[in-house]
């Protein structure tokens, strides 16, 4: 289904300009965005946005196409290959805190 896409004039912290679908809660105000057009996919909208800003990426919230969908699968494969131990030794609070630091 086609949707209207916009690119933010202001870059994010990582210096990339975010491409948003209409209705995204992170869409910039009208004076701080450029209308890209109506596209069937986020990928096409990002390609168009690179005509305005070379460093453009899809919004992580409204562009599900660019979200990593196999993170859980990759983690399970690492556990199976014993690169990550299935049972952690020591205090679980320590490891929970460590995971929060990494993320």
N, C-alpha and C. Protein backbone atom coordinates (compact mmCIF):
# COMPACT_ATOMS: atom_id res chain seq x y z
N UNK A 1 0.83 -1.17 0.00
CA UNK A 1 0.00 0.00 0.00
C UNK A 1 0.88 1.25 0.00
N UNK A 2 0.61 2.16 -0.85
CA UNK A 2 1.41 3.38 -0.99
C UNK A 2 1.12 4.34 0.16
N UNK A 3 2.15 5.08 0.55
CA UNK A 3 2.03 6.05 1.63
C UNK A 3 2.86 7.28 1.30
N UNK A 4 2.56 8.38 1.96
CA UNK A 4 3.33 9.61 1.79
C UNK A 4 4.56 9.53 2.69
N UNK A 5 5.70 9.95 2.14
CA UNK A 5 6.96 9.92 2.89
C UNK A 5 7.59 11.30 2.93
N UNK A 6 8.30 11.55 4.02
CA UNK A 6 8.97 12.83 4.25
C UNK A 6 10.38 12.55 4.75
N UNK A 7 11.28 13.51 4.53
CA UNK A 7 12.62 13.42 5.09
C UNK A 7 12.84 14.63 5.98
N UNK A 8 13.43 14.40 7.13
CA UNK A 8 13.72 15.48 8.07
C UNK A 8 14.88 16.33 7.56
N UNK A 9 14.73 17.63 7.65
CA UNK A 9 15.79 18.54 7.21
C UNK A 9 16.97 18.48 8.17
N UNK A 10 16.67 18.33 9.44
CA UNK A 10 17.72 18.26 10.47
C UNK A 10 18.22 16.82 10.61
N UNK A 11 19.52 16.61 10.57
CA UNK A 11 20.02 15.24 10.75
C UNK A 11 19.90 14.79 12.21
N UNK A 12 19.87 13.48 12.41
CA UNK A 12 19.86 12.92 13.75
C UNK A 12 21.27 12.98 14.32
N UNK A 13 21.45 12.44 15.51
CA UNK A 13 22.75 12.43 16.17
C UNK A 13 23.80 11.72 15.32
N UNK A 14 23.38 10.66 14.60
CA UNK A 14 24.33 9.90 13.78
C UNK A 14 24.57 10.56 12.41
N UNK A 15 24.10 11.79 12.26
CA UNK A 15 24.29 12.61 11.05
C UNK A 15 23.51 12.11 9.84
N UNK A 16 22.55 11.22 10.03
CA UNK A 16 21.68 10.76 8.95
C UNK A 16 20.34 11.47 9.05
N UNK A 17 19.75 11.73 7.92
CA UNK A 17 18.43 12.33 7.86
C UNK A 17 17.40 11.21 7.85
N UNK A 18 16.42 11.30 8.73
CA UNK A 18 15.42 10.25 8.88
C UNK A 18 14.30 10.41 7.86
N UNK A 19 13.91 9.30 7.25
CA UNK A 19 12.78 9.25 6.33
C UNK A 19 11.60 8.65 7.08
N UNK A 20 10.48 9.41 7.12
CA UNK A 20 9.31 8.99 7.88
C UNK A 20 8.10 8.81 6.98
N UNK A 21 7.27 7.89 7.38
CA UNK A 21 5.98 7.67 6.73
C UNK A 21 4.97 8.61 7.40
N UNK A 22 4.02 9.10 6.62
CA UNK A 22 2.98 9.96 7.19
C UNK A 22 2.29 9.25 8.35
N UNK A 23 2.12 9.96 9.44
CA UNK A 23 1.49 9.39 10.63
C UNK A 23 2.49 8.93 11.68
N UNK A 24 3.77 8.92 11.37
CA UNK A 24 4.80 8.52 12.33
C UNK A 24 4.84 9.56 13.46
N UNK A 25 4.87 9.12 14.72
CA UNK A 25 4.92 10.08 15.83
C UNK A 25 6.24 10.87 15.87
N UNK A 26 7.27 10.43 15.16
CA UNK A 26 8.55 11.12 15.16
C UNK A 26 8.73 12.01 13.93
N UNK A 27 7.69 12.16 13.14
CA UNK A 27 7.73 13.01 11.96
C UNK A 27 7.93 14.46 12.39
N UNK A 28 8.88 15.13 11.76
CA UNK A 28 9.19 16.53 12.09
C UNK A 28 8.03 17.44 11.72
N UNK A 29 8.03 18.62 12.31
CA UNK A 29 7.01 19.62 11.97
C UNK A 29 7.10 19.97 10.49
N UNK A 30 6.02 20.53 9.97
CA UNK A 30 5.90 20.81 8.54
C UNK A 30 7.05 21.64 7.98
N UNK A 31 7.51 22.63 8.74
CA UNK A 31 8.59 23.50 8.26
C UNK A 31 9.98 22.86 8.39
N UNK A 32 10.06 21.69 9.02
CA UNK A 32 11.34 21.03 9.23
C UNK A 32 11.45 19.71 8.47
N UNK A 33 10.66 19.56 7.42
CA UNK A 33 10.69 18.32 6.63
C UNK A 33 10.43 18.64 5.17
N UNK A 34 10.81 17.69 4.32
CA UNK A 34 10.61 17.81 2.87
C UNK A 34 9.73 16.65 2.43
N UNK A 35 8.67 16.96 1.69
CA UNK A 35 7.80 15.93 1.15
C UNK A 35 8.53 15.22 0.01
N UNK A 36 8.65 13.91 0.10
CA UNK A 36 9.35 13.13 -0.91
C UNK A 36 8.42 12.61 -2.00
N UNK A 37 7.19 12.29 -1.62
CA UNK A 37 6.24 11.75 -2.57
C UNK A 37 5.51 10.56 -1.98
N UNK A 38 4.77 9.88 -2.84
CA UNK A 38 4.03 8.69 -2.44
C UNK A 38 4.76 7.47 -2.98
N UNK A 39 5.09 6.54 -2.08
CA UNK A 39 5.87 5.37 -2.46
C UNK A 39 5.24 4.10 -1.90
N UNK A 40 5.50 3.01 -2.57
CA UNK A 40 4.99 1.71 -2.13
C UNK A 40 5.83 1.12 -1.01
N UNK A 41 7.08 1.56 -0.89
CA UNK A 41 7.95 1.01 0.15
C UNK A 41 8.88 2.08 0.70
N UNK A 42 9.35 1.83 1.90
CA UNK A 42 10.30 2.73 2.54
C UNK A 42 11.60 2.78 1.75
N UNK A 43 11.99 1.67 1.18
CA UNK A 43 13.23 1.59 0.41
C UNK A 43 13.23 2.60 -0.73
N UNK A 44 12.12 2.70 -1.45
CA UNK A 44 12.02 3.66 -2.55
C UNK A 44 12.06 5.09 -2.04
N UNK A 45 11.44 5.34 -0.89
CA UNK A 45 11.45 6.69 -0.31
C UNK A 45 12.86 7.09 0.12
N UNK A 46 13.60 6.16 0.68
CA UNK A 46 14.99 6.46 1.09
C UNK A 46 15.84 6.78 -0.14
N UNK A 47 15.65 6.03 -1.22
CA UNK A 47 16.39 6.31 -2.45
C UNK A 47 16.10 7.73 -2.94
N UNK A 48 14.85 8.14 -2.89
CA UNK A 48 14.47 9.49 -3.30
C UNK A 48 15.06 10.54 -2.36
N UNK A 49 15.08 10.25 -1.07
CA UNK A 49 15.59 11.21 -0.10
C UNK A 49 17.08 11.47 -0.28
N UNK A 50 17.79 10.50 -0.84
CA UNK A 50 19.23 10.67 -1.06
C UNK A 50 19.52 11.67 -2.18
N UNK A 51 18.49 12.08 -2.90
CA UNK A 51 18.66 13.16 -3.88
C UNK A 51 18.77 14.49 -3.14
N UNK A 52 18.21 14.56 -1.93
CA UNK A 52 18.27 15.77 -1.11
C UNK A 52 19.44 15.70 -0.13
N UNK A 53 19.57 14.57 0.55
CA UNK A 53 20.61 14.36 1.56
C UNK A 53 21.24 12.99 1.33
N UNK A 54 22.52 12.97 1.05
CA UNK A 54 23.20 11.71 0.75
C UNK A 54 23.07 10.72 1.89
N UNK A 55 23.18 11.21 3.11
CA UNK A 55 23.11 10.31 4.27
C UNK A 55 21.69 10.28 4.83
N UNK A 56 20.87 9.43 4.25
CA UNK A 56 19.47 9.26 4.67
C UNK A 56 19.21 7.81 5.02
N UNK A 57 18.37 7.61 6.04
CA UNK A 57 17.97 6.27 6.46
C UNK A 57 16.51 6.29 6.85
N UNK A 58 15.86 5.14 6.78
CA UNK A 58 14.49 5.02 7.20
C UNK A 58 14.37 5.11 8.71
N UNK A 59 13.28 5.67 9.17
CA UNK A 59 12.99 5.76 10.60
C UNK A 59 12.87 4.35 11.17
N UNK A 60 13.49 4.11 12.30
CA UNK A 60 13.43 2.78 12.92
C UNK A 60 12.06 2.47 13.47
N UNK A 61 11.26 3.49 13.71
CA UNK A 61 9.92 3.27 14.26
C UNK A 61 8.91 2.93 13.18
N UNK A 62 8.89 3.72 12.11
CA UNK A 62 7.81 3.55 11.12
C UNK A 62 8.23 2.74 9.89
N UNK A 63 9.49 2.38 9.78
CA UNK A 63 9.90 1.57 8.62
C UNK A 63 10.30 0.18 9.09
N UNK A 64 9.34 -0.68 9.21
CA UNK A 64 9.61 -2.04 9.68
C UNK A 64 10.48 -2.82 8.71
N UNK A 65 10.56 -2.37 7.45
CA UNK A 65 11.36 -3.05 6.44
C UNK A 65 12.84 -3.03 6.79
N UNK A 66 13.30 -2.00 7.52
CA UNK A 66 14.72 -1.88 7.79
C UNK A 66 15.10 -2.36 9.18
N UNK A 67 14.13 -2.80 9.97
CA UNK A 67 14.45 -3.30 11.29
C UNK A 67 15.05 -4.69 11.18
N UNK A 68 16.04 -5.00 12.02
CA UNK A 68 16.59 -6.35 11.99
C UNK A 68 15.54 -7.33 12.49
N UNK A 69 15.13 -8.26 11.65
CA UNK A 69 14.07 -9.19 12.01
C UNK A 69 14.60 -10.54 12.48
N UNK A 70 15.90 -10.75 12.39
CA UNK A 70 16.43 -12.07 12.74
C UNK A 70 17.37 -12.03 13.94
N UNK A 71 17.23 -11.04 14.81
CA UNK A 71 18.14 -10.93 15.95
C UNK A 71 17.97 -12.12 16.88
N UNK A 72 16.74 -12.52 17.17
CA UNK A 72 16.51 -13.65 18.06
C UNK A 72 17.07 -14.93 17.45
N UNK A 73 16.90 -15.12 16.16
CA UNK A 73 17.42 -16.29 15.48
C UNK A 73 18.94 -16.34 15.58
N UNK A 74 19.58 -15.20 15.38
CA UNK A 74 21.04 -15.15 15.45
C UNK A 74 21.51 -15.51 16.86
N UNK A 75 20.83 -14.99 17.90
CA UNK A 75 21.21 -15.29 19.27
C UNK A 75 21.06 -16.78 19.56
N UNK A 76 19.97 -17.37 19.10
CA UNK A 76 19.77 -18.82 19.30
C UNK A 76 20.87 -19.63 18.63
N UNK A 77 21.29 -19.21 17.44
CA UNK A 77 22.36 -19.92 16.74
C UNK A 77 23.67 -19.82 17.51
N UNK A 78 23.95 -18.66 18.12
CA UNK A 78 25.17 -18.50 18.89
C UNK A 78 25.15 -19.38 20.14
N UNK A 79 23.99 -19.53 20.77
CA UNK A 79 23.87 -20.40 21.93
C UNK A 79 24.10 -21.85 21.51
N UNK A 80 23.50 -22.25 20.39
CA UNK A 80 23.66 -23.62 19.91
C UNK A 80 25.11 -23.93 19.58
N UNK A 81 25.85 -22.94 19.07
CA UNK A 81 27.26 -23.14 18.73
C UNK A 81 28.16 -22.98 19.95
N UNK A 82 27.54 -22.75 21.12
CA UNK A 82 28.24 -22.60 22.39
C UNK A 82 29.16 -21.39 22.44
N UNK A 83 28.87 -20.38 21.60
CA UNK A 83 29.60 -19.12 21.71
C UNK A 83 29.04 -18.27 22.85
N UNK A 84 27.78 -18.50 23.17
CA UNK A 84 27.14 -17.89 24.33
C UNK A 84 26.65 -19.04 25.19
N UNK A 85 27.06 -19.11 26.45
CA UNK A 85 26.61 -20.22 27.30
C UNK A 85 25.11 -20.17 27.52
N UNK A 86 24.46 -21.33 27.44
CA UNK A 86 23.01 -21.41 27.63
C UNK A 86 22.63 -21.07 29.07
N UNK A 87 23.43 -21.51 30.03
CA UNK A 87 23.21 -21.22 31.44
C UNK A 87 24.32 -20.29 31.90
N UNK A 88 23.96 -19.11 32.35
CA UNK A 88 24.96 -18.16 32.83
C UNK A 88 25.33 -18.50 34.27
N UNK A 89 26.62 -18.38 34.58
CA UNK A 89 27.10 -18.63 35.92
C UNK A 89 27.13 -17.31 36.68
N UNK A 90 26.89 -17.36 37.98
CA UNK A 90 26.97 -16.16 38.80
C UNK A 90 25.61 -15.51 38.98
N UNK A 91 25.66 -14.33 39.53
CA UNK A 91 24.44 -13.60 39.85
C UNK A 91 23.72 -13.15 38.58
N UNK A 92 22.45 -13.44 38.50
CA UNK A 92 21.69 -13.02 37.31
C UNK A 92 21.57 -11.51 37.25
N UNK A 93 21.58 -10.84 38.39
CA UNK A 93 21.50 -9.37 38.39
C UNK A 93 22.72 -8.76 37.72
N UNK A 94 23.88 -9.37 37.94
CA UNK A 94 25.09 -8.88 37.29
C UNK A 94 24.96 -8.95 35.77
N UNK A 95 24.49 -10.10 35.27
CA UNK A 95 24.37 -10.27 33.82
C UNK A 95 23.26 -9.40 33.24
N UNK A 96 22.16 -9.22 33.98
CA UNK A 96 21.10 -8.33 33.51
C UNK A 96 21.63 -6.91 33.37
N UNK A 97 22.40 -6.46 34.35
CA UNK A 97 23.00 -5.13 34.31
C UNK A 97 23.98 -5.00 33.16
N UNK A 98 24.72 -6.04 32.92
CA UNK A 98 25.69 -6.05 31.81
C UNK A 98 24.97 -5.94 30.47
N UNK A 99 23.87 -6.65 30.32
CA UNK A 99 23.11 -6.59 29.07
C UNK A 99 22.55 -5.20 28.86
N UNK A 100 22.06 -4.56 29.91
CA UNK A 100 21.53 -3.20 29.78
C UNK A 100 22.63 -2.22 29.39
N UNK A 101 23.84 -2.44 29.88
CA UNK A 101 24.96 -1.56 29.52
C UNK A 101 25.32 -1.70 28.05
N UNK A 102 25.27 -2.92 27.54
CA UNK A 102 25.63 -3.17 26.16
C UNK A 102 24.60 -2.57 25.22
N UNK A 103 23.32 -2.70 25.55
CA UNK A 103 22.26 -2.19 24.70
C UNK A 103 22.23 -0.70 24.81
